[in-house]
Amino acid sequence: MRFRTLRWYGLTLNYLGENGGLKAIEEARRGYFSLGNKVMAARIAHTLAAVYLDQGNFKNALKVLGPAIPVLELDENKRPLIAAFNTLIDIQVDSGQLDEAGETLERAQATAALLHNDYVLLQLDARRIDLMLRGGDYGGFIEQLIDLANRAEELREFNVTEYALSHLANHYSRIGEHAEAVRTIARLRALNPDLSLYARVVLAMMALRRGDSASALRMHLEVREEATQRGAHIDATRALLLAAFSAYRMNDLPRCTGLLSEALLELAGLPHAQSQASIAPDLREIEEMLAYARLQPNLAPLLEAALEDASSLGGTLRDDLFTSGMRLEIMTLGQELVLRDGIPCSMRVRGSVAVLACLALHPRSTRQDVVTQLWPDRDPKKAATYFRQCIADIREAIGADVVLVEGAHQAPEYRLSSKASVILDSQRVLQLIAGGQLPAAVAAYKGEFLPSLQDSEWAEEQRMTIQRALVGSLRAELRASQIERGQERRVVLLATAILGIDPNDTETEDLRLEVARRVSSPSEIARFEAERHRRMN
């Protein structure tokens, strides 16, 4: 009885944020172990691991939970084992070990199949769906999220209900359906007005996306303070990072710099996989701020220390690409991909993305117009056949009504449906440059326009237009930094950004190396020299 009391006493202290909780739980575990009750000791080890998980101490959580699971596997009562598996999955996911989490989930599902319990299945389904999100299966995630919320609400399992509804609200907010986002979060608050830290961050982001940056900043800092008091260090760091983004959206760059510096320092103290896992869901949304940081001498080293490879920021697809309605995102820079409703479309024909991009830029084009632009050197009959294959592929992958055919039968004109809201990444870069938003343009530029399309003068013209505009703006910044005293570090950063777009710019490369030899570390100078040597050979 004493050890049972100690266990619950420790949990109560931990819940109240008082000291001594871990010590009491550990004493209970050791007490049961001294009595030879290994099963109860293993159950309390799971309790201890769950507390460590809440505190973000994954190393200790794994240390105490690992030896406990084999003991629980031998027990006839499988419910404690399932609970331990759930906690292990949460630890592995939060620390970035997604493959290991998938393996643990399979073991848990095999055990759960013996129980035939709706509650147990719900808990495992919630983790399976979360793994889909973390692994990039956005379509599967959205399809199952509403069903998960309804099942959880029916079973009165609030934690899963909150997970599902808060993610749904975040989704609706991202795609601009603000009223639906408010209704969803109101549904959650009706069940329990005391929202989790994650749900409160969603509330703050909803305010930010509606244009209320000041309220978003205040709410993020409130979450930061409470998370710090609770010892929830990862939640605290994430809230601070998003507070910096709120300040950035307010154009309060001094405050953004201060908040972002602190957040990056905290991220740098985490293992790389853990830091990536903690900010991955927000990465795409904040990439403009991170691109700004990459060009600031006082922030760039922190960015590299926190995320190791700052050049990869924004280069991958994240869950915040969720969209709704007939919204098409045509990704042509450094990749060839189309998203409808935020879900990647599976294209079978290689030229389909190029056809979509061409029609987006040149509506009411005839088949001959498109063929001439994209494949001028192909045999006309083969090119016409290939074009028809692309159109069929587009309609199958995206929708039968996405490409419309109008005009004379002898020379029909093709265009994208007016029902489709089309976003072409190459045009977004040009719009950002024209608007003076250089960091955002750098973040949006992922590489060469339609990289697989060769021998197309039209594609080459598009590439040159984008590169000239972007490099021209960066060079203007570079010249200004050369004139201003004390900006040598910024010169190196801007030159590096230019070379990332135009690696054959030997003049800029020479300038970078010259300035770097005065202000950069020996390792950075060696890296620049090695890059130069590779290009010359």
Protein backbone atom coordinates (compact mmCIF):
# COMPACT_ATOMS: atom_id res chain seq x y z
CA MET A 1 0.00 0.00 0.00
CA ARG A 2 2.89 2.36 0.81
CA PHE A 3 4.43 1.99 -2.63
CA ARG A 4 1.09 2.40 -4.39
CA THR A 5 0.52 5.59 -2.41
CA LEU A 6 4.00 6.83 -3.30
CA ARG A 7 3.29 6.28 -6.99
CA TRP A 8 0.11 8.35 -6.99
CA TYR A 9 1.62 10.94 -4.67
CA GLY A 10 4.46 11.41 -7.15
CA LEU A 11 2.07 11.73 -10.07
CA THR A 12 0.03 14.32 -8.16
CA LEU A 13 3.13 16.37 -7.36
CA ASN A 14 4.19 16.24 -10.98
CA TYR A 15 0.72 17.30 -12.19
CA LEU A 16 0.77 20.28 -9.81
CA GLY A 17 4.27 21.25 -10.92
CA GLU A 18 5.71 20.63 -7.46
CA ASN A 19 9.15 19.20 -6.74
CA GLY A 20 9.65 15.63 -5.57
CA GLY A 21 7.30 13.84 -7.96
CA LEU A 22 9.97 11.87 -9.83
CA LYS A 23 11.69 10.93 -6.61
CA ALA A 24 8.47 9.52 -5.13
CA ILE A 25 7.66 7.48 -8.26
CA GLU A 26 11.21 6.13 -8.43
CA GLU A 27 11.04 5.15 -4.75
CA ALA A 28 7.81 3.25 -5.45
CA ARG A 29 9.44 1.42 -8.37
CA ARG A 30 12.44 0.40 -6.29
CA GLY A 31 10.14 -0.65 -3.46
CA TYR A 32 8.15 -3.07 -5.63
CA PHE A 33 11.38 -4.38 -7.12
CA SER A 34 12.78 -5.07 -3.63
CA LEU A 35 9.65 -7.10 -2.88
CA GLY A 36 10.26 -9.21 -5.98
CA ASN A 37 7.17 -7.85 -7.74
CA LYS A 38 8.79 -7.26 -11.12
CA VAL A 39 5.48 -6.69 -12.93
CA MET A 40 4.44 -3.81 -10.66
CA ALA A 41 7.96 -2.41 -10.84
CA ALA A 42 7.70 -2.50 -14.65
CA ARG A 43 4.31 -0.76 -14.59
CA ILE A 44 5.71 2.02 -12.42
CA ALA A 45 8.75 2.24 -14.72
CA HIS A 46 6.23 3.04 -17.45
CA THR A 47 4.70 5.74 -15.24
CA LEU A 48 8.17 7.17 -14.71
CA ALA A 49 8.88 7.11 -18.45
CA ALA A 50 5.64 8.98 -19.14
CA VAL A 51 6.69 11.73 -16.73
CA TYR A 52 10.11 11.98 -18.38
CA LEU A 53 8.34 12.19 -21.76
CA ASP A 54 6.22 15.12 -20.56
CA GLN A 55 9.43 16.88 -19.53
CA GLY A 56 11.12 16.20 -22.88
CA ASN A 57 13.76 13.97 -21.26
CA PHE A 58 13.68 11.22 -23.90
CA LYS A 59 16.98 9.67 -22.88
CA ASN A 60 15.81 8.87 -19.35
CA ALA A 61 12.36 7.88 -20.63
CA LEU A 62 13.87 5.23 -22.92
CA LYS A 63 16.30 4.15 -20.22
CA VAL A 64 13.57 3.22 -17.73
CA LEU A 65 10.98 1.99 -20.25
CA GLY A 66 13.22 -0.29 -22.32
CA PRO A 67 13.80 -2.97 -19.64
CA ALA A 68 10.16 -2.77 -18.49
CA ILE A 69 8.53 -3.83 -21.76
CA PRO A 70 9.92 -7.43 -21.85
CA VAL A 71 8.58 -7.91 -18.31
CA LEU A 72 5.15 -6.59 -19.28
CA GLU A 73 5.11 -8.86 -22.35
CA LEU A 74 5.17 -11.89 -20.02
CA ASP A 75 2.20 -10.65 -17.98
CA GLU A 76 -1.23 -12.09 -18.83
CA ASN A 77 -2.83 -8.64 -18.51
CA LYS A 78 -1.88 -6.98 -21.79
CA ARG A 79 -3.37 -3.54 -21.10
CA PRO A 80 -0.29 -2.24 -19.24
CA LEU A 81 1.84 -3.50 -22.14
CA ILE A 82 -0.31 -1.61 -24.67
CA ALA A 83 -0.03 1.54 -22.53
CA ALA A 84 3.75 1.13 -22.42
CA PHE A 85 3.89 0.63 -26.19
CA ASN A 86 1.87 3.84 -26.64
CA THR A 87 4.34 5.78 -24.51
CA LEU A 88 7.30 4.24 -26.35
CA ILE A 89 5.80 5.30 -29.69
CA ASP A 90 5.32 8.84 -28.38
CA ILE A 91 8.94 8.98 -27.21
CA GLN A 92 10.23 7.69 -30.54
CA VAL A 93 8.08 10.09 -32.57
CA ASP A 94 9.01 13.14 -30.50
CA SER A 95 12.71 12.27 -30.74
CA GLY A 96 12.52 11.83 -34.52
CA GLN A 97 12.82 8.01 -34.58
CA LEU A 98 9.94 7.47 -37.01
CA ASP A 99 11.08 4.08 -38.35
CA GLU A 100 11.44 2.71 -34.83
CA ALA A 101 8.02 4.12 -33.92
CA GLY A 102 6.51 2.29 -36.89
CA GLU A 103 8.03 -0.99 -35.72
CA THR A 104 6.73 -0.46 -32.18
CA LEU A 105 3.28 0.32 -33.57
CA GLU A 106 3.24 -3.00 -35.43
CA ARG A 107 4.09 -4.85 -32.19
CA ALA A 108 1.37 -2.96 -30.35
CA GLN A 109 -1.24 -3.67 -33.03
CA ALA A 110 -0.44 -7.39 -32.92
CA THR A 111 -1.02 -7.36 -29.16
CA ALA A 112 -4.15 -5.22 -29.40
CA ALA A 113 -5.72 -7.64 -31.89
CA LEU A 114 -6.13 -10.07 -28.99
CA LEU A 115 -8.12 -7.60 -26.88
CA HIS A 116 -10.90 -6.49 -29.29
CA ASN A 117 -11.22 -3.20 -27.40
CA ASP A 118 -12.41 -0.01 -29.14
CA TYR A 119 -10.54 2.25 -26.73
CA VAL A 120 -7.24 0.45 -27.29
CA LEU A 121 -7.71 0.52 -31.06
CA LEU A 122 -8.51 4.25 -30.94
CA GLN A 123 -5.27 5.01 -29.11
CA LEU A 124 -3.22 3.05 -31.62
CA ASP A 125 -5.08 4.54 -34.59
CA ALA A 126 -4.29 8.01 -33.27
CA ARG A 127 -0.60 7.17 -33.26
CA ARG A 128 -0.79 5.51 -36.67
CA ILE A 129 -2.41 8.64 -38.12
CA ASP A 130 0.18 10.86 -36.44
CA LEU A 131 2.93 8.79 -38.07
CA MET A 132 1.23 9.34 -41.43
CA LEU A 133 1.42 13.08 -40.83
CA ARG A 134 5.05 12.99 -39.71
CA GLY A 135 6.00 10.76 -42.62
CA GLY A 136 4.42 13.03 -45.22
CA ASP A 137 1.25 11.06 -46.09
CA TYR A 138 -0.96 14.15 -46.00
CA GLY A 139 -3.79 12.61 -47.98
CA GLY A 140 -4.12 9.66 -45.64
CA PHE A 141 -3.82 11.92 -42.61
CA ILE A 142 -6.68 14.22 -43.62
CA GLU A 143 -8.92 11.41 -44.79
CA GLN A 144 -8.79 9.74 -41.37
CA LEU A 145 -8.66 12.75 -39.07
CA ILE A 146 -12.40 13.54 -39.04
CA ASP A 147 -13.30 9.90 -38.39
CA LEU A 148 -10.75 9.80 -35.56
CA ALA A 149 -12.32 12.88 -33.96
CA ASN A 150 -15.83 11.41 -34.12
CA ARG A 151 -14.75 8.04 -32.69
CA ALA A 152 -12.79 9.71 -29.90
CA GLU A 153 -15.70 11.96 -28.96
CA GLU A 154 -18.07 8.98 -28.91
CA LEU A 155 -15.70 7.06 -26.60
CA ARG A 156 -15.16 10.18 -24.47
CA GLU A 157 -11.40 9.95 -24.96
CA PHE A 158 -10.53 13.62 -24.64
CA ASN A 159 -6.80 13.46 -25.41
CA VAL A 160 -7.43 11.90 -28.82
CA THR A 161 -10.40 14.20 -29.43
CA GLU A 162 -8.22 17.21 -28.72
CA TYR A 163 -5.45 15.91 -30.99
CA ALA A 164 -7.86 15.42 -33.87
CA LEU A 165 -9.87 18.63 -33.47
CA SER A 166 -6.86 20.87 -32.88
CA HIS A 167 -5.15 19.50 -36.00
CA LEU A 168 -8.37 19.97 -37.97
CA ALA A 169 -8.66 23.56 -36.77
CA ASN A 170 -5.05 24.15 -37.75
CA HIS A 171 -5.75 22.67 -41.17
CA TYR A 172 -8.80 24.86 -41.79
CA SER A 173 -6.89 27.93 -40.64
CA ARG A 174 -3.99 27.20 -42.99
CA ILE A 175 -6.24 26.99 -46.02
CA GLY A 176 -8.05 30.22 -45.19
CA GLU A 177 -11.31 28.66 -43.97
CA HIS A 178 -11.20 30.76 -40.80
CA ALA A 179 -14.86 30.36 -39.85
CA GLU A 180 -14.57 26.56 -40.00
CA ALA A 181 -11.39 26.74 -37.94
CA VAL A 182 -13.19 28.78 -35.27
CA ARG A 183 -16.14 26.36 -35.24
CA THR A 184 -13.78 23.40 -34.83
CA ILE A 185 -11.82 24.93 -31.96
CA ALA A 186 -15.12 26.00 -30.34
CA ARG A 187 -16.28 22.37 -30.51
CA LEU A 188 -13.11 21.43 -28.66
CA ARG A 189 -13.50 24.14 -26.02
CA ALA A 190 -17.08 23.06 -25.39
CA LEU A 191 -15.74 19.67 -24.33
CA ASN A 192 -13.02 21.16 -22.13
CA PRO A 193 -12.11 24.86 -21.99
CA ASP A 194 -8.72 24.02 -20.45
CA LEU A 195 -6.83 23.48 -23.71
CA SER A 196 -3.47 21.80 -24.09
CA LEU A 197 -0.33 23.74 -24.97
CA TYR A 198 -0.55 22.49 -28.55
CA ALA A 199 -4.18 23.61 -28.94
CA ARG A 200 -3.28 27.03 -27.54
CA VAL A 201 -0.51 27.35 -30.11
CA VAL A 202 -3.12 26.53 -32.77
CA LEU A 203 -5.29 29.36 -31.41
CA ALA A 204 -2.34 31.73 -31.70
CA MET A 205 -1.59 30.63 -35.27
CA MET A 206 -5.26 31.07 -36.18
CA ALA A 207 -5.01 34.68 -35.00
CA LEU A 208 -1.78 35.19 -36.96
CA ARG A 209 -3.27 33.85 -40.19
CA ARG A 210 -6.27 36.16 -39.76
CA GLY A 211 -3.84 39.07 -39.64
CA ASP A 212 -3.84 39.68 -35.87
CA SER A 213 -0.09 39.39 -35.38
CA ALA A 214 -0.04 41.30 -32.07
CA SER A 215 -2.49 38.89 -30.42
CA ALA A 216 -0.60 35.93 -31.87
CA LEU A 217 2.66 37.20 -30.37
CA ARG A 218 1.05 37.67 -26.97
CA MET A 219 -0.56 34.21 -27.02
CA HIS A 220 2.64 32.48 -28.10
CA LEU A 221 4.60 34.14 -25.30
CA GLU A 222 1.91 33.08 -22.80
CA VAL A 223 2.24 29.47 -23.98
CA ARG A 224 6.01 29.82 -23.77
CA GLU A 225 5.81 30.96 -20.14
CA GLU A 226 3.44 28.20 -19.06
CA ALA A 227 5.37 25.49 -20.92
CA THR A 228 8.57 26.64 -19.21
CA GLN A 229 6.88 26.48 -15.80
CA ARG A 230 5.68 22.95 -16.53
CA GLY A 231 9.11 21.82 -17.69
CA ALA A 232 7.75 21.14 -21.19
CA HIS A 233 10.91 22.39 -22.86
CA ILE A 234 10.13 21.40 -26.46
CA ASP A 235 6.70 23.05 -26.33
CA ALA A 236 8.36 26.13 -24.84
CA THR A 237 10.94 26.31 -27.63
CA ARG A 238 8.33 25.81 -30.34
CA ALA A 239 6.15 28.57 -28.88
CA LEU A 240 9.17 30.89 -28.79
CA LEU A 241 10.00 30.12 -32.42
CA LEU A 242 6.44 30.94 -33.47
CA ALA A 243 6.47 34.09 -31.33
CA ALA A 244 9.51 35.18 -33.34
CA PHE A 245 7.54 34.50 -36.52
CA SER A 246 4.66 36.63 -35.20
CA ALA A 247 7.11 39.49 -34.60
CA TYR A 248 8.50 38.97 -38.11
CA ARG A 249 5.00 39.24 -39.58
CA MET A 250 4.58 42.51 -37.64
CA ASN A 251 7.83 43.70 -39.27
CA ASP A 252 9.27 44.15 -35.77
CA LEU A 253 12.66 42.81 -36.86
CA PRO A 254 14.61 43.73 -33.69
CA ARG A 255 12.16 41.81 -31.54
CA CYS A 256 12.05 38.95 -34.05
CA THR A 257 15.85 38.75 -33.94
CA GLY A 258 15.91 38.57 -30.15
CA LEU A 259 13.22 35.90 -29.90
CA LEU A 260 14.61 33.89 -32.81
CA SER A 261 18.15 33.96 -31.39
CA GLU A 262 16.91 32.47 -28.13
CA ALA A 263 14.80 29.83 -29.89
CA LEU A 264 17.67 28.76 -32.15
CA LEU A 265 20.03 28.51 -29.17
CA GLU A 266 17.54 26.18 -27.48
CA LEU A 267 17.12 24.11 -30.65
CA ALA A 268 20.89 23.84 -30.99
CA GLY A 269 20.98 22.18 -27.58
CA LEU A 270 18.73 19.35 -28.77
CA PRO A 271 19.85 16.30 -30.77
CA HIS A 272 19.44 17.00 -34.50
CA ALA A 273 16.63 14.47 -35.03
CA GLN A 274 14.78 15.86 -32.03
CA SER A 275 15.11 19.49 -33.15
CA GLN A 276 13.91 18.59 -36.65
CA ALA A 277 10.94 16.66 -35.26
CA SER A 278 9.97 19.53 -32.97
CA ILE A 279 9.68 22.15 -35.73
CA ALA A 280 8.93 19.99 -38.78
CA PRO A 281 5.17 20.75 -38.82
CA ASP A 282 5.90 24.50 -38.86
CA LEU A 283 8.92 24.52 -41.15
CA ARG A 284 7.24 25.50 -44.40
CA GLU A 285 5.18 28.24 -42.82
CA ILE A 286 8.15 29.95 -41.17
CA GLU A 287 10.64 29.42 -44.00
CA GLU A 288 10.51 33.10 -45.02
CA MET A 289 11.69 34.11 -41.55
CA LEU A 290 14.41 31.46 -41.66
CA ALA A 291 15.54 32.71 -45.07
CA TYR A 292 15.76 36.18 -43.55
CA ALA A 293 17.85 34.74 -40.71
CA ARG A 294 20.13 32.99 -43.18
CA LEU A 295 21.14 36.39 -44.60
CA GLN A 296 21.80 38.01 -41.20
CA PRO A 297 25.37 37.63 -39.85
CA ASN A 298 24.18 37.49 -36.23
CA LEU A 299 21.56 34.81 -36.92
CA ALA A 300 23.11 32.63 -39.64
CA PRO A 301 25.54 30.77 -37.29
CA LEU A 302 22.71 30.06 -34.86
CA LEU A 303 20.54 28.78 -37.69
CA GLU A 304 23.25 26.42 -38.87
CA ALA A 305 23.94 25.21 -35.33
CA ALA A 306 20.24 24.58 -34.67
CA LEU A 307 19.34 22.86 -37.92
CA GLU A 308 22.77 21.70 -39.20
CA ASP A 309 22.02 22.32 -42.87
CA ALA A 310 20.30 25.65 -43.32
CA SER A 311 20.34 25.22 -47.08
CA SER A 312 17.69 22.52 -46.82
CA LEU A 313 15.15 24.76 -45.12
CA GLY A 314 11.88 24.85 -46.98
CA GLY A 315 13.13 22.36 -49.53
CA THR A 316 10.75 19.61 -48.51
CA LEU A 317 7.03 19.21 -48.39
CA ARG A 318 5.35 19.68 -45.01
CA ASP A 319 1.91 19.24 -43.57
CA ASP A 320 1.20 22.94 -43.86
CA LEU A 321 0.66 22.55 -47.60
CA PHE A 322 -2.90 21.44 -46.79
CA THR A 323 -5.39 23.18 -49.03
CA SER A 324 -9.05 22.81 -49.77
CA GLY A 325 -11.34 23.29 -52.71
CA MET A 326 -10.03 23.20 -56.25
CA ARG A 327 -6.64 24.66 -55.46
CA LEU A 328 -3.64 23.58 -57.52
CA GLU A 329 -0.04 24.15 -56.55
CA ILE A 330 2.32 23.55 -59.46
CA MET A 331 5.83 23.04 -58.14
CA THR A 332 8.38 23.56 -60.90
CA LEU A 333 11.48 24.88 -59.12
CA GLY A 334 13.97 22.09 -58.44
CA GLN A 335 11.15 19.55 -58.60
CA GLU A 336 8.14 18.66 -60.72
CA LEU A 337 5.11 18.08 -58.58
CA VAL A 338 1.44 19.05 -58.45
CA LEU A 339 -0.73 19.26 -55.36
CA ARG A 340 -4.50 19.35 -55.37
CA ASP A 341 -6.01 20.25 -52.03
CA GLY A 342 -2.48 20.01 -50.65
CA ILE A 343 -2.19 16.35 -51.60
CA PRO A 344 0.57 15.33 -54.03
CA CYS A 345 -0.92 13.99 -57.27
CA SER A 346 0.57 10.82 -58.68
CA MET A 347 1.60 11.63 -62.24
CA ARG A 348 2.56 8.74 -64.50
CA VAL A 349 3.72 10.75 -67.54
CA ARG A 350 6.91 12.73 -67.11
CA GLY A 351 5.80 15.76 -69.11
CA SER A 352 2.48 16.31 -67.33
CA VAL A 353 3.77 18.94 -64.90
CA ALA A 354 5.41 20.85 -67.77
CA VAL A 355 2.10 20.87 -69.66
CA LEU A 356 0.28 22.21 -66.60
CA ALA A 357 2.90 24.92 -66.10
CA CYS A 358 2.69 25.91 -69.76
CA LEU A 359 -1.11 26.16 -69.66
CA ALA A 360 -0.95 28.14 -66.41
CA LEU A 361 1.39 30.67 -68.04
CA HIS A 362 -0.23 30.60 -71.50
CA PRO A 363 -3.99 29.92 -71.24
CA ARG A 364 -5.91 29.17 -74.43
CA SER A 365 -2.93 27.51 -76.09
CA THR A 366 -3.42 25.08 -78.94
CA ARG A 367 -1.82 21.66 -78.88
CA GLN A 368 0.73 22.91 -81.41
CA ASP A 369 1.54 25.90 -79.20
CA VAL A 370 2.33 23.65 -76.23
CA VAL A 371 4.29 21.13 -78.29
CA THR A 372 6.38 23.92 -79.83
CA GLN A 373 7.14 25.41 -76.42
CA LEU A 374 8.02 22.16 -74.66
CA TRP A 375 9.32 19.68 -77.24
CA PRO A 376 10.33 21.63 -80.36
CA ASP A 377 12.75 18.97 -81.61
CA ARG A 378 10.41 15.98 -81.36
CA ASP A 379 8.71 14.37 -84.32
CA PRO A 380 5.38 16.27 -84.65
CA LYS A 381 3.20 13.14 -84.58
CA LYS A 382 5.03 11.65 -81.60
CA ALA A 383 4.92 14.98 -79.79
CA ALA A 384 1.16 15.28 -80.40
CA THR A 385 0.62 11.75 -79.06
CA TYR A 386 2.74 12.54 -76.02
CA PHE A 387 0.74 15.72 -75.38
CA ARG A 388 -2.51 13.72 -75.42
CA GLN A 389 -0.97 11.24 -72.96
CA CYS A 390 -0.08 14.14 -70.66
CA ILE A 391 -3.62 15.57 -70.81
CA ALA A 392 -5.11 12.15 -70.03
CA ASP A 393 -2.66 11.72 -67.16
CA ILE A 394 -3.52 15.16 -65.73
CA ARG A 395 -7.25 14.45 -65.85
CA GLU A 396 -6.84 11.06 -64.25
CA ALA A 397 -4.56 12.30 -61.47
CA ILE A 398 -6.24 15.64 -60.69
CA GLY A 399 -9.75 15.58 -62.10
CA ALA A 400 -11.55 15.27 -65.41
CA ASP A 401 -12.57 18.94 -65.39
CA VAL A 402 -9.19 20.50 -64.62
CA VAL A 403 -8.24 21.00 -68.29
CA LEU A 404 -10.90 22.48 -70.57
CA VAL A 405 -10.93 22.37 -74.38
CA GLU A 406 -12.58 25.20 -76.29
CA GLY A 407 -12.56 26.82 -79.74
CA ALA A 408 -12.55 25.46 -83.27
CA HIS A 409 -12.48 21.73 -83.78
CA GLN A 410 -9.52 22.00 -86.16
CA ALA A 411 -7.36 23.88 -83.61
CA PRO A 412 -8.89 23.52 -80.13
CA GLU A 413 -7.54 25.68 -77.32
CA TYR A 414 -6.62 24.26 -73.93
CA ARG A 415 -6.86 26.08 -70.61
CA LEU A 416 -7.07 25.30 -66.92
CA SER A 417 -10.52 25.45 -65.35
CA SER A 418 -11.51 28.80 -63.85
CA LYS A 419 -12.72 26.82 -60.83
CA ALA A 420 -9.10 26.02 -60.05
CA SER A 421 -7.10 28.47 -57.98
CA VAL A 422 -3.64 27.95 -59.48
CA ILE A 423 -0.40 28.77 -57.67
CA LEU A 424 2.75 28.49 -59.77
CA ASP A 425 5.90 28.63 -57.65
CA SER A 426 8.02 30.22 -60.39
CA GLN A 427 5.63 33.17 -60.65
CA ARG A 428 5.49 33.52 -56.89
CA VAL A 429 9.26 34.06 -56.82
CA LEU A 430 8.96 36.86 -59.38
CA GLN A 431 6.06 38.45 -57.50
CA LEU A 432 8.02 38.41 -54.24
CA ILE A 433 11.04 40.01 -55.91
CA ALA A 434 8.82 42.71 -57.44
CA GLY A 435 7.34 43.36 -54.00
CA GLY A 436 10.77 43.78 -52.43
CA GLN A 437 10.41 40.61 -50.35
CA LEU A 438 13.87 39.22 -51.05
CA PRO A 439 14.12 36.75 -48.10
CA ALA A 440 10.76 35.28 -49.09
CA ALA A 441 11.89 35.00 -52.72
CA VAL A 442 15.10 33.22 -51.69
CA ALA A 443 13.04 30.83 -49.56
CA ALA A 444 10.62 30.15 -52.42
CA TYR A 445 13.36 29.40 -54.98
CA LYS A 446 14.05 25.67 -54.73
CA GLY A 447 16.10 25.21 -57.89
CA GLU A 448 15.97 25.27 -61.67
CA PHE A 449 12.62 25.64 -63.47
CA LEU A 450 11.33 22.26 -64.74
CA PRO A 451 14.71 20.53 -64.26
CA SER A 452 13.84 17.46 -66.36
CA LEU A 453 12.79 19.48 -69.43
CA GLN A 454 15.67 19.69 -71.90
CA ASP A 455 16.08 21.37 -75.32
CA SER A 456 13.24 23.81 -74.70
CA GLU A 457 14.00 27.46 -75.43
CA TRP A 458 10.82 28.42 -73.61
CA ALA A 459 11.92 26.64 -70.43
CA GLU A 460 15.40 28.14 -70.70
CA GLU A 461 13.89 31.62 -71.01
CA GLN A 462 11.84 31.00 -67.87
CA ARG A 463 14.95 29.83 -66.02
CA MET A 464 16.96 32.86 -67.07
CA THR A 465 14.15 35.29 -66.19
CA ILE A 466 13.83 33.90 -62.67
CA GLN A 467 17.56 33.61 -62.04
CA ARG A 468 18.34 37.09 -63.37
CA ALA A 469 15.64 38.69 -61.25
CA LEU A 470 16.68 36.87 -58.08
CA VAL A 471 20.43 37.17 -58.56
CA GLY A 472 20.06 40.82 -59.59
CA SER A 473 18.27 41.66 -56.34
CA LEU A 474 20.84 39.75 -54.29
CA ARG A 475 23.70 41.52 -56.07
CA ALA A 476 22.15 44.90 -55.27
CA GLU A 477 22.10 43.89 -51.59
CA LEU A 478 25.66 42.62 -51.95
CA ARG A 479 26.92 45.91 -53.37
CA ALA A 480 25.22 47.86 -50.58
CA SER A 481 26.84 45.61 -47.97
CA GLN A 482 30.27 46.04 -49.57
CA ILE A 483 29.98 49.80 -49.19
CA GLU A 484 28.73 49.73 -45.60
CA ARG A 485 31.41 49.30 -42.96
CA GLY A 486 31.32 46.18 -40.79
CA GLN A 487 29.14 44.14 -43.16
CA GLU A 488 31.78 41.65 -44.34
CA ARG A 489 29.91 38.69 -42.80
CA ARG A 490 26.76 39.69 -44.65
CA VAL A 491 28.77 39.93 -47.88
CA VAL A 492 29.81 36.28 -47.43
CA LEU A 493 26.22 35.20 -46.75
CA LEU A 494 24.80 37.07 -49.74
CA ALA A 495 27.54 35.74 -52.01
CA THR A 496 26.74 32.21 -50.84
CA ALA A 497 23.05 32.78 -51.64
CA ILE A 498 23.98 33.99 -55.14
CA LEU A 499 26.21 30.97 -55.77
CA GLY A 500 23.38 28.70 -54.67
CA ILE A 501 21.39 30.04 -57.62
CA ASP A 502 24.21 30.62 -60.11
CA PRO A 503 27.15 28.34 -59.24
CA ASN A 504 29.07 29.52 -62.32
CA ASP A 505 29.38 33.11 -61.10
CA THR A 506 33.17 33.08 -60.69
CA GLU A 507 33.35 36.79 -59.86
CA THR A 508 31.05 36.36 -56.86
CA GLU A 509 32.91 33.20 -55.86
CA ASP A 510 36.22 35.08 -55.88
CA LEU A 511 34.69 37.88 -53.81
CA ARG A 512 33.27 35.42 -51.28
CA LEU A 513 36.61 33.70 -50.81
CA GLU A 514 38.47 37.02 -50.54
CA VAL A 515 36.15 38.38 -47.84
CA ALA A 516 35.85 35.01 -46.08
CA ARG A 517 39.62 34.89 -45.59
CA ARG A 518 39.24 38.01 -43.46
CA VAL A 519 36.14 37.19 -41.42
CA SER A 520 35.28 33.47 -41.64
CA SER A 521 36.41 30.47 -39.62
CA PRO A 522 39.14 28.18 -40.99
CA SER A 523 36.59 25.40 -41.57
CA GLU A 524 34.31 27.67 -43.59
CA ILE A 525 37.23 28.96 -45.66
CA ALA A 526 38.29 25.36 -46.33
CA ARG A 527 34.74 24.52 -47.44
CA PHE A 528 34.65 27.47 -49.84
CA GLU A 529 38.05 26.52 -51.26
CA ALA A 530 36.91 22.91 -51.73
CA GLU A 531 33.76 24.06 -53.55
CA ARG A 532 35.85 26.24 -55.81
CA HIS A 533 38.25 23.38 -56.53
CA ARG A 534 35.35 21.06 -57.45
CA ARG A 535 33.89 23.61 -59.87
CA MET A 536 37.23 24.23 -61.53
CA ASN A 537 37.74 20.51 -62.06
